[in-house]
Each structure stands twice: as structure tokens, then as C-alpha cells.
């Protein structure tokens, strides 16, 4: 599933969750999402970088320039307090939404 196939807003929460432990640059964020999903989710650069800029513009991420493991200059993103709050809210909403969909798909919905 590519980034363009993700439901609206899902990429944002995947990025915020991925950055929950340490600052990462764009390439590493995309790779972490792909690895964590065992290759099911692949975020294209054309979706990832606009999402990072959007989240930064909304104050949910902050970024600083730094060096990658290979010595290249890159922007490293970090979740702000507002981003952490937003992520917690969106995780709860996602759990409710996905539970409802799962109930319908399994035939358990009344």
C-alpha cells in the first residue's frame, strides 16, 4: 500500500508515532514506517515531505538541521508537546474507527 492509498490523516499519525522515540530525517521516517509495517506501507517522497512540512507548519513537529550517519546534511524532525497531544487524540479516534470497521467486516455489528 503506497502513501497515496492511506486514509486521510493516517500518514500524519504514522509520522508522529514514528518520531515518538527519537528525531529522524525524512528518509529514515519513511524507512521506519515501511519496516514497522513489514513492507505493507511504503510512503513515497511526494507524500512524505509535504506531510512533514504540513505537520511542522501546524506546530506538531519541529525540525533542526543535522548530519546523517553518512555525513549528509538533513532536517531532523521531532514531535512537539502539541504533536504528542494530537497523536494521543488521533490514536484514540483510530482505535474507535478501526474497531467499528472490524465489527462490520466480521459481521458482528448490530
Protein backbone atom coordinates (compact mmCIF):
# COMPACT_ATOMS: atom_id res chain seq x y z
CA UNK A 1 0.00 0.00 0.00
CA UNK A 2 1.52 3.29 -1.01
CA UNK A 3 1.26 6.62 0.77
CA UNK A 4 -1.41 7.74 -1.66
CA UNK A 5 -3.57 4.78 -0.59
CA UNK A 6 -3.52 5.74 3.09
CA UNK A 7 -6.70 7.20 4.55
CA UNK A 8 -6.65 10.94 5.05
CA UNK A 9 -4.80 11.80 8.25
CA UNK A 10 -3.32 8.33 8.67
CA UNK A 11 0.07 9.34 7.30
CA UNK A 12 0.22 12.20 9.80
CA UNK A 13 -0.33 9.92 12.79
CA UNK A 14 2.13 7.34 11.43
CA UNK A 15 4.78 10.06 11.17
CA UNK A 16 4.05 11.39 14.66
CA UNK A 17 4.16 7.88 16.13
CA UNK A 18 7.39 7.05 14.31
CA UNK A 19 9.01 10.17 15.76
CA UNK A 20 7.86 9.33 19.29
CA UNK A 21 11.21 7.91 20.34
CA UNK A 22 13.87 9.98 18.57
CA UNK A 23 14.38 12.71 15.99
CA UNK A 24 14.70 11.34 12.46
CA UNK A 25 15.23 12.74 8.98
CA UNK A 26 12.74 12.15 6.18
CA UNK A 27 14.36 9.11 4.60
CA UNK A 28 14.61 7.35 7.98
CA UNK A 29 10.98 8.17 8.77
CA UNK A 30 9.83 6.56 5.53
CA UNK A 31 12.05 3.54 6.10
CA UNK A 32 10.85 3.15 9.71
CA UNK A 33 7.21 3.13 8.58
CA UNK A 34 7.98 0.57 5.88
CA UNK A 35 9.97 -1.62 8.29
CA UNK A 36 7.39 -1.43 11.10
CA UNK A 37 4.63 -2.43 8.69
CA UNK A 38 6.77 -5.28 7.30
CA UNK A 39 6.74 -3.66 3.87
CA UNK A 40 2.96 -3.22 3.64
CA UNK A 41 3.14 0.59 3.87
CA UNK A 42 5.53 2.40 1.59
CA UNK A 43 5.46 6.19 1.81
CA UNK A 44 6.59 7.93 -1.34
CA UNK A 45 8.68 11.11 -1.05
CA UNK A 46 5.90 13.01 -2.83
CA UNK A 47 3.58 12.25 0.11
CA UNK A 48 6.09 12.20 2.97
CA UNK A 49 7.78 15.58 2.62
CA UNK A 50 4.57 17.60 2.14
CA UNK A 51 3.18 15.84 5.24
CA UNK A 52 6.31 16.72 7.24
CA UNK A 53 6.07 20.36 6.17
CA UNK A 54 2.34 20.44 6.95
CA UNK A 55 2.90 18.98 10.43
CA UNK A 56 5.74 21.43 11.06
CA UNK A 57 3.54 24.31 9.90
CA UNK A 58 0.81 23.23 12.32
CA UNK A 59 3.31 23.21 15.20
CA UNK A 60 3.08 19.43 15.66
CA UNK A 61 6.72 18.92 14.62
CA UNK A 62 9.86 20.97 14.93
CA UNK A 63 12.96 20.47 12.83
CA UNK A 64 16.68 21.14 13.11
CA UNK A 65 19.45 20.64 10.60
CA UNK A 66 21.96 17.93 11.38
CA UNK A 67 24.16 15.24 9.85
CA UNK A 68 23.02 11.75 8.90
CA UNK A 69 25.03 8.61 9.68
CA UNK A 70 26.64 9.02 6.26
CA UNK A 71 27.58 12.65 6.92
CA UNK A 72 24.93 14.22 4.72
CA UNK A 73 23.12 17.36 5.87
CA UNK A 74 19.43 16.69 6.59
CA UNK A 75 16.50 18.09 8.52
CA UNK A 76 15.75 16.06 11.65
CA UNK A 77 12.15 16.18 12.85
CA UNK A 78 10.94 15.93 16.45
CA UNK A 79 7.41 15.82 17.91
CA UNK A 80 6.36 18.90 19.89
CA UNK A 81 4.18 18.77 23.01
CA UNK A 82 1.23 19.78 20.81
CA UNK A 83 2.13 16.96 18.43
CA UNK A 84 2.17 14.42 21.26
CA UNK A 85 -1.25 15.60 22.44
CA UNK A 86 -2.60 15.44 18.89
CA UNK A 87 -1.18 11.94 18.44
CA UNK A 88 -2.84 10.65 21.62
CA UNK A 89 -6.19 12.03 20.48
CA UNK A 90 -5.83 10.57 16.99
CA UNK A 91 -4.77 7.14 18.29
CA UNK A 92 -7.98 7.00 20.35
CA UNK A 93 -10.05 8.05 17.32
CA UNK A 94 -8.29 5.50 15.11
CA UNK A 95 -8.93 2.70 17.63
CA UNK A 96 -12.64 3.56 17.71
CA UNK A 97 -12.86 3.82 13.91
CA UNK A 98 -10.92 0.64 13.16
CA UNK A 99 -12.91 -1.28 15.79
CA UNK A 100 -16.16 -0.20 14.13
CA UNK A 101 -14.91 -1.21 10.69
CA UNK A 102 -13.66 -4.56 12.02
CA UNK A 103 -17.05 -5.22 13.63
CA UNK A 104 -18.84 -4.57 10.34
CA UNK A 105 -16.41 -6.68 8.31
CA UNK A 106 -16.63 -9.59 10.72
CA UNK A 107 -20.43 -9.49 10.72
CA UNK A 108 -20.57 -8.72 14.45
CA UNK A 109 -22.13 -5.27 14.02
CA UNK A 110 -25.76 -4.97 15.06
